[in-house]
Amino acid sequence: MAVINSASSSRELSNKHNRPVNSLQSPVLPETGDVRDLVCFSHLRWNFVYQRPQHLLSRATQHYRVWFIEEPIYDNSGLRMSVCRQDDQLHVLVPHLPHGTTPADALRLQRQLVDQFLADERIADFIAWYYTPMALLFSDHLQPQLTVYDCMDELSAFWGAPPQLLEQEKRLLQRAGVVFTGGYSLYEAKQHRHPRVFAFPSSIDFSHFSTARQNQTDPADQQAIPHPRIGFSGVIDERFDYDLIGEVARRRPDWHFVLIGPVVKIDPNLLPKSDNVHYLGMKAYKELPTYFSNWDVAMLPFALNDSTRYISPTKTPEYLAAGLPVVSTPIRDVVRTYGTEDFVLIAESADAFEQAIELALAGKHPGDWSAIDTFLIENSWNRTWNDMHRLMVAEMNVAVEQ
């Protein structure tokens, strides 16, 4: 098992996983004809944790007006589609449905609201971009110029997944012109289900997170926490190994574990409660470097279960860009991309996790930051979007020729 630590090895892995590699710099992208709108159907809220959808679709605004349609809110404000403009090219749309709406009526009303929105904005030629196959239940009548499925997670493995999800994903794969996956393991799971599947694992906004390598003022809610600090940033849900953190925190009361992010879908009472475990809640994306700058080690304490089998955590390159040594449980995509030499320490048990943190705190890992930085710079979100967009344009051009 080898770590990617050079441009050549990065290109080899990209080719292996059906990803275009013909440009490490931002290219001049081809024109997209009359297609000037991208309509995204998402199960995630735009103003929730800033992650893959936000990184990609904010860059998509270079070429399209982006309309980000979230799941509905049930309230007493009447049937409507609220629109929040993020900037001139990006709008977030939220269907508002009356309390007590039945599931069947919810689909009918969402279809009605989407049709009205398209008519009001005079959108006829557009790209449909899906994060959730469930959106097909109210959008399968649309006729976009191109359908894109950006499969960032194996949603069917998450707690509470709808029973129809797998069937709707099958339908979405039949409709999609191109399929992108959020990691290599997910690519391997989908590659035989569609002729145009491409792996685009977690990328990095290096300029944003590398500011953490400079001295940053410690945020007010973190100042009183003693060092050493071992930090985690992300959603705390069924993927989080709270037993592991509880055990390591018990063994090392002199270490302080800082956890940033919302707690969702799990009972908060299951989480470790001790004087050296600190829950700071969700933070804005722009604030994260100030927190990271004042940590000593970063961690990825994910449980090994169905919901983590295909994940490619965005936080891995973000921690490294911040100049933090990283300790992770053996998540497959973390192991294969970062897991040996001088990238990320891999530890499965509480014993191994404790020893790995000790090694990182002693400054004995990682050993070659230049190799890490080369890898990070070559795997930027800018490059990922550019490569995706090139594939999209090529697919639309093929459709036109046919």
Protein backbone atom coordinates (compact mmCIF):
# COMPACT_ATOMS: atom_id res chain seq x y z
CA MET A 1 0.00 0.00 0.00
CA ALA A 2 1.67 3.22 -1.16
CA VAL A 3 0.86 6.83 -0.51
CA ILE A 4 0.44 9.19 -3.45
CA ASN A 5 3.33 11.58 -3.04
CA SER A 6 4.16 12.85 -6.50
CA ALA A 7 2.54 14.19 -9.62
CA SER A 8 3.24 10.98 -11.50
CA SER A 9 1.63 8.71 -8.91
CA SER A 10 -1.38 11.03 -8.76
CA ARG A 11 -1.82 10.72 -12.51
CA GLU A 12 -1.50 6.93 -12.36
CA LEU A 13 -4.23 6.68 -9.73
CA SER A 14 -6.44 9.09 -11.65
CA ASN A 15 -6.14 7.05 -14.82
CA LYS A 16 -6.86 3.86 -12.92
CA HIS A 17 -10.09 5.31 -11.64
CA ASN A 18 -11.30 6.79 -14.94
CA ARG A 19 -10.57 10.39 -14.08
CA PRO A 20 -9.28 12.92 -16.63
CA VAL A 21 -5.76 14.08 -15.86
CA ASN A 22 -4.79 16.23 -18.80
CA SER A 23 -4.37 19.42 -16.81
CA LEU A 24 -2.91 20.21 -13.43
CA GLN A 25 -3.50 23.93 -13.96
CA SER A 26 -6.86 25.66 -14.42
CA PRO A 27 -7.60 25.29 -18.15
CA VAL A 28 -9.55 27.43 -20.52
CA LEU A 29 -12.82 25.58 -20.58
CA PRO A 30 -14.94 25.06 -23.69
CA GLU A 31 -18.18 26.94 -24.20
CA THR A 32 -21.45 25.25 -23.28
CA GLY A 33 -23.65 26.59 -26.06
CA ASP A 34 -27.06 27.79 -24.94
CA VAL A 35 -27.04 25.92 -21.63
CA ARG A 36 -26.70 28.62 -19.01
CA ASP A 37 -28.53 27.11 -16.02
CA LEU A 38 -27.74 24.30 -13.63
CA VAL A 39 -30.54 23.02 -11.39
CA CYS A 40 -29.36 20.97 -8.42
CA PHE A 41 -31.55 18.66 -6.33
CA SER A 42 -29.98 18.13 -2.90
CA HIS A 43 -30.75 16.32 0.35
CA LEU A 44 -28.34 18.69 2.13
CA ARG A 45 -28.99 22.28 3.14
CA TRP A 46 -26.76 24.88 1.55
CA ASN A 47 -26.20 26.58 4.92
CA PHE A 48 -25.42 23.34 6.75
CA VAL A 49 -21.82 22.08 6.89
CA TYR A 50 -19.81 23.55 4.00
CA GLN A 51 -18.71 20.54 1.98
CA ARG A 52 -18.66 19.00 -1.48
CA PRO A 53 -21.85 20.53 -2.94
CA GLN A 54 -20.86 24.03 -1.86
CA HIS A 55 -17.30 23.68 -3.13
CA LEU A 56 -18.35 22.42 -6.54
CA LEU A 57 -21.46 24.47 -7.21
CA SER A 58 -19.92 27.74 -6.10
CA ARG A 59 -17.32 27.10 -8.81
CA ALA A 60 -20.04 26.12 -11.28
CA THR A 61 -21.22 29.73 -11.14
CA GLN A 62 -18.30 30.61 -13.42
CA HIS A 63 -20.34 29.01 -16.22
CA TYR A 64 -23.97 28.76 -15.10
CA ARG A 65 -26.71 30.28 -13.06
CA VAL A 66 -26.97 27.71 -10.27
CA TRP A 67 -30.32 26.91 -8.65
CA PHE A 68 -29.89 24.77 -5.53
CA ILE A 69 -33.20 23.11 -4.60
CA GLU A 70 -33.32 21.75 -1.06
CA GLU A 71 -35.73 19.31 0.55
CA PRO A 72 -39.05 20.82 1.66
CA ILE A 73 -39.88 22.58 4.91
CA TYR A 74 -43.29 21.94 6.42
CA ASP A 75 -44.76 25.06 8.01
CA ASN A 76 -47.78 27.37 8.00
CA SER A 77 -46.44 29.89 5.50
CA GLY A 78 -48.49 28.53 2.62
CA LEU A 79 -47.46 26.64 -0.49
CA ARG A 80 -44.49 28.47 -1.96
CA MET A 81 -40.92 28.23 -3.14
CA SER A 82 -38.66 30.56 -1.17
CA VAL A 83 -35.62 31.87 -3.01
CA CYS A 84 -32.49 33.13 -1.27
CA ARG A 85 -29.88 34.74 -3.49
CA GLN A 86 -26.34 33.84 -2.40
CA ASP A 87 -24.84 35.92 -5.22
CA ASP A 88 -25.78 36.95 -8.76
CA GLN A 89 -25.23 33.42 -10.07
CA LEU A 90 -26.32 31.27 -7.14
CA HIS A 91 -29.79 30.92 -5.63
CA VAL A 92 -31.01 28.54 -2.93
CA LEU A 93 -34.63 27.40 -3.30
CA VAL A 94 -36.69 25.78 -0.56
CA PRO A 95 -40.18 24.32 -1.12
CA HIS A 96 -42.56 25.23 1.72
CA LEU A 97 -45.41 22.75 2.17
CA PRO A 98 -48.33 22.90 4.61
CA HIS A 99 -48.12 20.91 7.83
CA GLY A 100 -49.89 17.59 7.47
CA THR A 101 -49.17 17.18 3.75
CA THR A 102 -49.23 13.48 2.85
CA PRO A 103 -46.18 11.94 1.15
CA ALA A 104 -48.05 11.59 -2.14
CA ASP A 105 -49.23 15.20 -2.03
CA ALA A 106 -45.72 16.35 -1.09
CA LEU A 107 -44.37 14.90 -4.33
CA ARG A 108 -47.19 16.44 -6.36
CA LEU A 109 -46.69 19.86 -4.77
CA GLN A 110 -42.90 19.80 -5.19
CA ARG A 111 -43.38 18.94 -8.86
CA GLN A 112 -45.78 21.86 -9.16
CA LEU A 113 -43.38 24.26 -7.46
CA VAL A 114 -40.43 23.16 -9.59
CA ASP A 115 -42.44 23.57 -12.79
CA GLN A 116 -43.60 27.03 -11.71
CA PHE A 117 -40.04 28.07 -10.86
CA LEU A 118 -38.74 26.95 -14.26
CA ALA A 119 -41.55 28.79 -16.00
CA ASP A 120 -41.07 31.99 -13.98
CA GLU A 121 -37.33 32.04 -14.69
CA ARG A 122 -37.88 31.00 -18.32
CA ILE A 123 -35.47 28.10 -17.93
CA ALA A 124 -35.77 25.61 -20.80
CA ASP A 125 -32.22 24.40 -21.51
CA PHE A 126 -30.46 23.36 -18.33
CA ILE A 127 -28.31 20.77 -16.60
CA ALA A 128 -29.98 18.70 -13.87
CA TRP A 129 -27.51 17.88 -11.10
CA TYR A 130 -28.58 15.33 -8.48
CA TYR A 131 -27.23 14.61 -5.01
CA THR A 132 -30.27 12.58 -4.03
CA PRO A 133 -31.98 10.03 -6.26
CA MET A 134 -35.16 10.58 -4.24
CA ALA A 135 -35.68 13.88 -6.07
CA LEU A 136 -36.55 11.88 -9.19
CA LEU A 137 -39.93 11.18 -7.61
CA PHE A 138 -40.98 14.75 -8.43
CA SER A 139 -38.58 15.70 -11.23
CA ASP A 140 -38.52 12.70 -13.59
CA HIS A 141 -40.73 14.53 -16.09
CA LEU A 142 -38.07 17.19 -16.73
CA GLN A 143 -36.02 17.11 -19.91
CA PRO A 144 -32.60 18.61 -19.17
CA GLN A 145 -29.83 18.86 -21.71
CA LEU A 146 -27.71 16.73 -19.37
CA THR A 147 -28.33 14.82 -16.15
CA VAL A 148 -25.41 14.59 -13.71
CA TYR A 149 -25.38 12.31 -10.68
CA ASP A 150 -22.75 13.43 -8.19
CA CYS A 151 -22.80 10.45 -5.83
CA MET A 152 -20.99 11.79 -2.79
CA ASP A 153 -22.10 9.06 -0.36
CA GLU A 154 -23.72 5.64 -0.33
CA LEU A 155 -26.94 7.11 1.05
CA SER A 156 -28.68 3.73 1.28
CA ALA A 157 -26.23 2.74 4.04
CA PHE A 158 -27.13 5.69 6.27
CA TRP A 159 -29.55 5.40 9.17
CA GLY A 160 -33.09 6.26 8.17
CA ALA A 161 -32.53 5.87 4.43
CA PRO A 162 -35.84 5.70 2.49
CA PRO A 163 -36.71 2.17 1.34
CA GLN A 164 -37.20 3.42 -2.25
CA LEU A 165 -33.71 4.90 -2.47
CA LEU A 166 -32.00 2.01 -4.25
CA GLU A 167 -34.74 1.78 -6.86
CA GLN A 168 -34.61 5.53 -7.47
CA GLU A 169 -30.84 5.38 -7.78
CA LYS A 170 -31.22 2.68 -10.43
CA ARG A 171 -33.54 5.01 -12.36
CA LEU A 172 -31.15 7.94 -11.94
CA LEU A 173 -28.24 5.90 -13.26
CA GLN A 174 -30.32 5.08 -16.33
CA ARG A 175 -30.99 8.76 -16.97
CA ALA A 176 -27.58 10.23 -16.14
CA GLY A 177 -25.16 11.23 -18.87
CA VAL A 178 -22.23 11.22 -16.46
CA VAL A 179 -21.80 9.95 -12.91
CA PHE A 180 -19.25 11.35 -10.46
CA THR A 181 -18.34 9.66 -7.19
CA GLY A 182 -17.03 11.20 -4.00
CA GLY A 183 -14.28 8.63 -3.56
CA TYR A 184 -12.50 5.65 -5.09
CA SER A 185 -14.35 3.00 -3.08
CA LEU A 186 -17.63 4.50 -4.21
CA TYR A 187 -16.34 4.52 -7.78
CA GLU A 188 -15.56 0.81 -7.55
CA ALA A 189 -19.10 0.17 -6.29
CA LYS A 190 -20.70 2.09 -9.19
CA GLN A 191 -18.33 1.56 -12.11
CA HIS A 192 -20.17 -1.42 -13.59
CA ARG A 193 -23.58 0.21 -13.28
CA HIS A 194 -22.98 3.03 -15.77
CA PRO A 195 -20.63 3.48 -18.76
CA ARG A 196 -19.48 6.97 -17.73
CA VAL A 197 -18.48 6.87 -14.04
CA PHE A 198 -15.60 9.03 -12.85
CA ALA A 199 -13.94 9.20 -9.42
CA PHE A 200 -13.57 12.65 -7.91
CA PRO A 201 -12.57 12.22 -4.26
CA SER A 202 -12.36 14.97 -1.67
CA SER A 203 -10.34 17.92 -2.84
CA ILE A 204 -8.90 20.94 -1.05
CA ASP A 205 -9.14 24.71 -0.94
CA PHE A 206 -5.47 24.96 -0.06
CA SER A 207 -5.26 28.75 0.15
CA HIS A 208 -8.10 28.84 2.68
CA PHE A 209 -6.85 26.17 5.07
CA SER A 210 -3.13 26.85 4.77
CA THR A 211 -3.70 30.15 6.61
CA ALA A 212 -3.94 27.95 9.73
CA ARG A 213 -0.17 27.44 9.48
CA GLN A 214 0.25 31.07 10.53
CA ASN A 215 -0.42 32.17 14.07
CA GLN A 216 -4.15 32.80 14.43
CA THR A 217 -5.94 34.29 17.41
CA ASP A 218 -7.51 31.49 19.39
CA PRO A 219 -11.33 31.69 19.17
CA ALA A 220 -13.01 32.75 22.40
CA ASP A 221 -14.76 29.43 23.03
CA GLN A 222 -11.49 27.53 22.65
CA GLN A 223 -9.11 29.76 24.60
CA ALA A 224 -9.70 28.14 27.99
CA ILE A 225 -9.09 24.61 26.71
CA PRO A 226 -5.61 23.40 27.73
CA HIS A 227 -3.06 21.86 25.38
CA PRO A 228 -2.43 19.41 23.92
CA ARG A 229 -5.55 19.65 21.82
CA ILE A 230 -6.68 16.89 19.51
CA GLY A 231 -9.41 18.16 17.22
CA PHE A 232 -12.20 16.88 15.02
CA SER A 233 -14.36 18.93 12.66
CA GLY A 234 -17.39 17.45 10.93
CA VAL A 235 -20.85 16.05 11.40
CA ILE A 236 -21.13 13.93 14.54
CA ASP A 237 -23.52 11.15 13.53
CA GLU A 238 -23.64 7.36 13.15
CA ARG A 239 -20.23 7.45 11.47
CA PHE A 240 -18.52 8.84 14.57
CA ASP A 241 -16.81 6.33 16.88
CA TYR A 242 -17.78 7.84 20.22
CA ASP A 243 -16.66 4.73 22.10
CA LEU A 244 -13.14 5.13 20.74
CA ILE A 245 -12.91 8.78 21.74
CA GLY A 246 -14.39 8.05 25.15
CA GLU A 247 -11.81 5.35 25.83
CA VAL A 248 -8.80 7.42 24.68
CA ALA A 249 -10.06 10.44 26.65
CA ARG A 250 -10.38 8.25 29.74
CA ARG A 251 -6.84 6.93 29.33
CA ARG A 252 -5.33 10.35 28.75
CA PRO A 253 -7.01 12.96 30.96
CA ASP A 254 -4.10 15.30 30.17
CA TRP A 255 -5.17 15.44 26.50
CA HIS A 256 -8.10 17.59 25.43
CA PHE A 257 -10.41 16.56 22.60
CA VAL A 258 -12.07 19.41 20.73
CA LEU A 259 -15.11 18.42 18.67
CA ILE A 260 -16.54 20.91 16.16
CA GLY A 261 -19.75 20.17 14.30
CA PRO A 262 -23.44 19.42 14.72
CA VAL A 263 -24.73 16.30 16.45
CA VAL A 264 -27.36 14.67 14.23
CA LYS A 265 -29.29 11.38 14.09
CA ILE A 266 -27.72 9.98 17.27
CA ASP A 267 -28.61 10.29 20.93
CA PRO A 268 -26.29 12.96 22.44
CA ASN A 269 -26.29 10.93 25.65
CA LEU A 270 -24.18 8.31 23.86
CA LEU A 271 -21.32 10.77 23.41
CA PRO A 272 -18.43 10.78 25.90
CA LYS A 273 -18.85 13.22 28.78
CA SER A 274 -15.68 14.13 30.59
CA ASP A 275 -13.72 17.25 31.50
CA ASN A 276 -11.31 16.73 28.60
CA VAL A 277 -13.91 16.34 25.84
CA HIS A 278 -15.21 19.66 24.52
CA TYR A 279 -18.19 20.11 22.15
CA LEU A 280 -18.03 23.51 20.46
CA GLY A 281 -20.90 23.09 18.00
CA MET A 282 -20.98 23.96 14.30
CA LYS A 283 -18.68 26.69 13.00
CA ALA A 284 -18.73 28.68 9.78
CA TYR A 285 -16.39 27.49 7.05
CA LYS A 286 -14.44 30.76 7.15
CA GLU A 287 -13.77 30.26 10.89
CA LEU A 288 -12.27 26.78 10.67
CA PRO A 289 -8.63 27.79 10.01
CA THR A 290 -8.59 29.82 13.24
CA TYR A 291 -9.62 26.73 15.21
CA PHE A 292 -7.26 24.41 13.34
CA SER A 293 -4.37 26.81 13.86
CA ASN A 294 -4.64 26.29 17.61
CA TRP A 295 -4.83 22.49 17.61
CA ASP A 296 -1.88 20.14 18.03
CA VAL A 297 -3.24 17.07 16.23
CA ALA A 298 -6.31 16.44 14.08
CA MET A 299 -8.25 13.19 14.06
CA LEU A 300 -10.72 11.20 11.98
CA PRO A 301 -12.34 8.91 14.55
CA PHE A 302 -14.80 7.17 12.26
CA ALA A 303 -16.45 3.90 13.17
CA LEU A 304 -16.05 0.99 10.78
CA ASN A 305 -19.61 0.27 9.69
CA ASP A 306 -21.84 0.30 6.61
CA SER A 307 -22.18 4.09 6.64
CA THR A 308 -18.40 4.63 6.47
CA ARG A 309 -17.57 1.91 3.97
CA TYR A 310 -17.43 4.30 1.01
CA ILE A 311 -16.66 7.68 2.57
CA SER A 312 -13.80 9.91 1.47
CA PRO A 313 -13.64 12.50 4.26
CA THR A 314 -13.19 16.08 3.06
CA LYS A 315 -11.51 16.89 6.35
CA THR A 316 -8.44 14.78 5.57
CA PRO A 317 -6.86 17.21 3.07
CA GLU A 318 -8.20 20.20 5.04
CA TYR A 319 -6.34 19.11 8.18
CA LEU A 320 -3.17 18.53 6.19
CA ALA A 321 -3.41 21.87 4.43
CA ALA A 322 -3.67 23.43 7.89
CA GLY A 323 -0.33 21.83 8.75
CA LEU A 324 -1.77 19.39 11.28
CA PRO A 325 -0.62 15.81 11.80
CA VAL A 326 -3.60 13.51 11.31
CA VAL A 327 -4.65 10.28 13.02
CA SER A 328 -7.45 8.26 11.44
CA THR A 329 -9.21 4.97 11.85
CA PRO A 330 -8.70 2.67 8.84
CA ILE A 331 -11.31 4.16 6.52
CA ARG A 332 -10.56 2.57 3.18
CA ASP A 333 -10.22 5.72 1.09
CA VAL A 334 -8.12 7.41 3.78
CA VAL A 335 -5.81 4.40 3.97
CA ARG A 336 -5.33 4.05 0.22
CA THR A 337 -4.76 7.76 -0.43
CA TYR A 338 -3.04 9.06 2.72
CA GLY A 339 -2.33 6.07 4.90
CA THR A 340 1.40 5.38 4.86
CA GLU A 341 4.73 7.19 4.99
CA ASP A 342 4.31 10.85 5.86
CA PHE A 343 0.64 11.58 5.24
CA VAL A 344 -1.79 10.18 7.84
CA LEU A 345 -1.34 7.78 10.75
CA ILE A 346 -3.80 4.89 10.68
CA ALA A 347 -4.97 3.37 13.96
CA GLU A 348 -7.90 1.01 14.56
CA SER A 349 -7.93 0.30 18.29
CA ALA A 350 -7.87 2.65 21.27
CA ASP A 351 -4.30 1.48 22.01
CA ALA A 352 -3.15 2.25 18.48
CA PHE A 353 -5.00 5.57 18.41
CA GLU A 354 -3.33 6.66 21.65
CA GLN A 355 0.10 5.64 20.39
CA ALA A 356 -0.42 7.43 17.07
CA ILE A 357 -1.40 10.66 18.83
CA GLU A 358 1.69 10.38 21.03
CA LEU A 359 3.83 10.03 17.92
CA ALA A 360 2.22 13.09 16.32
CA LEU A 361 2.53 15.18 19.48
CA ALA A 362 6.21 14.30 19.65
CA GLY A 363 6.71 15.77 16.16
CA LYS A 364 7.68 12.41 14.69
CA HIS A 365 4.95 12.37 12.06
CA PRO A 366 4.56 13.40 9.29
CA GLY A 367 8.11 13.62 8.02
CA ASP A 368 7.85 15.22 4.57
CA TRP A 369 5.47 18.16 4.29
CA SER A 370 6.73 19.05 0.81
CA ALA A 371 5.34 15.78 -0.56
CA ILE A 372 2.04 16.40 1.20
CA ASP A 373 1.79 19.94 -0.17
CA THR A 374 2.56 18.78 -3.70
CA PHE A 375 -0.28 16.29 -3.48
CA LEU A 376 -2.70 18.82 -2.00
CA ILE A 377 -1.99 21.53 -4.56
CA GLU A 378 -2.52 19.07 -7.41
CA ASN A 379 -5.90 18.05 -5.97
CA SER A 380 -7.66 21.37 -5.63
CA TRP A 381 -11.41 21.92 -5.89
CA ASN A 382 -10.67 24.18 -8.87
CA ARG A 383 -9.07 21.32 -10.75
CA THR A 384 -11.85 18.93 -9.75
CA TRP A 385 -14.56 21.25 -11.05
CA ASN A 386 -12.63 21.95 -14.25
CA ASP A 387 -12.25 18.24 -14.96
CA MET A 388 -15.90 17.58 -14.18
CA HIS A 389 -17.01 20.43 -16.40
CA ARG A 390 -14.91 19.20 -19.30
CA LEU A 391 -16.66 15.83 -19.09
CA MET A 392 -20.06 17.51 -18.94
CA VAL A 393 -19.38 19.65 -21.99
CA ALA A 394 -18.09 16.65 -23.92
CA GLU A 395 -21.23 14.70 -23.05
CA MET A 396 -23.49 17.56 -24.18
CA ASN A 397 -21.55 17.90 -27.42
CA VAL A 398 -22.00 14.21 -28.13
CA ALA A 399 -25.74 14.55 -27.52
CA VAL A 400 -25.94 17.47 -29.95
CA GLU A 401 -24.06 15.54 -32.65
CA GLN A 402 -26.45 12.62 -32.28
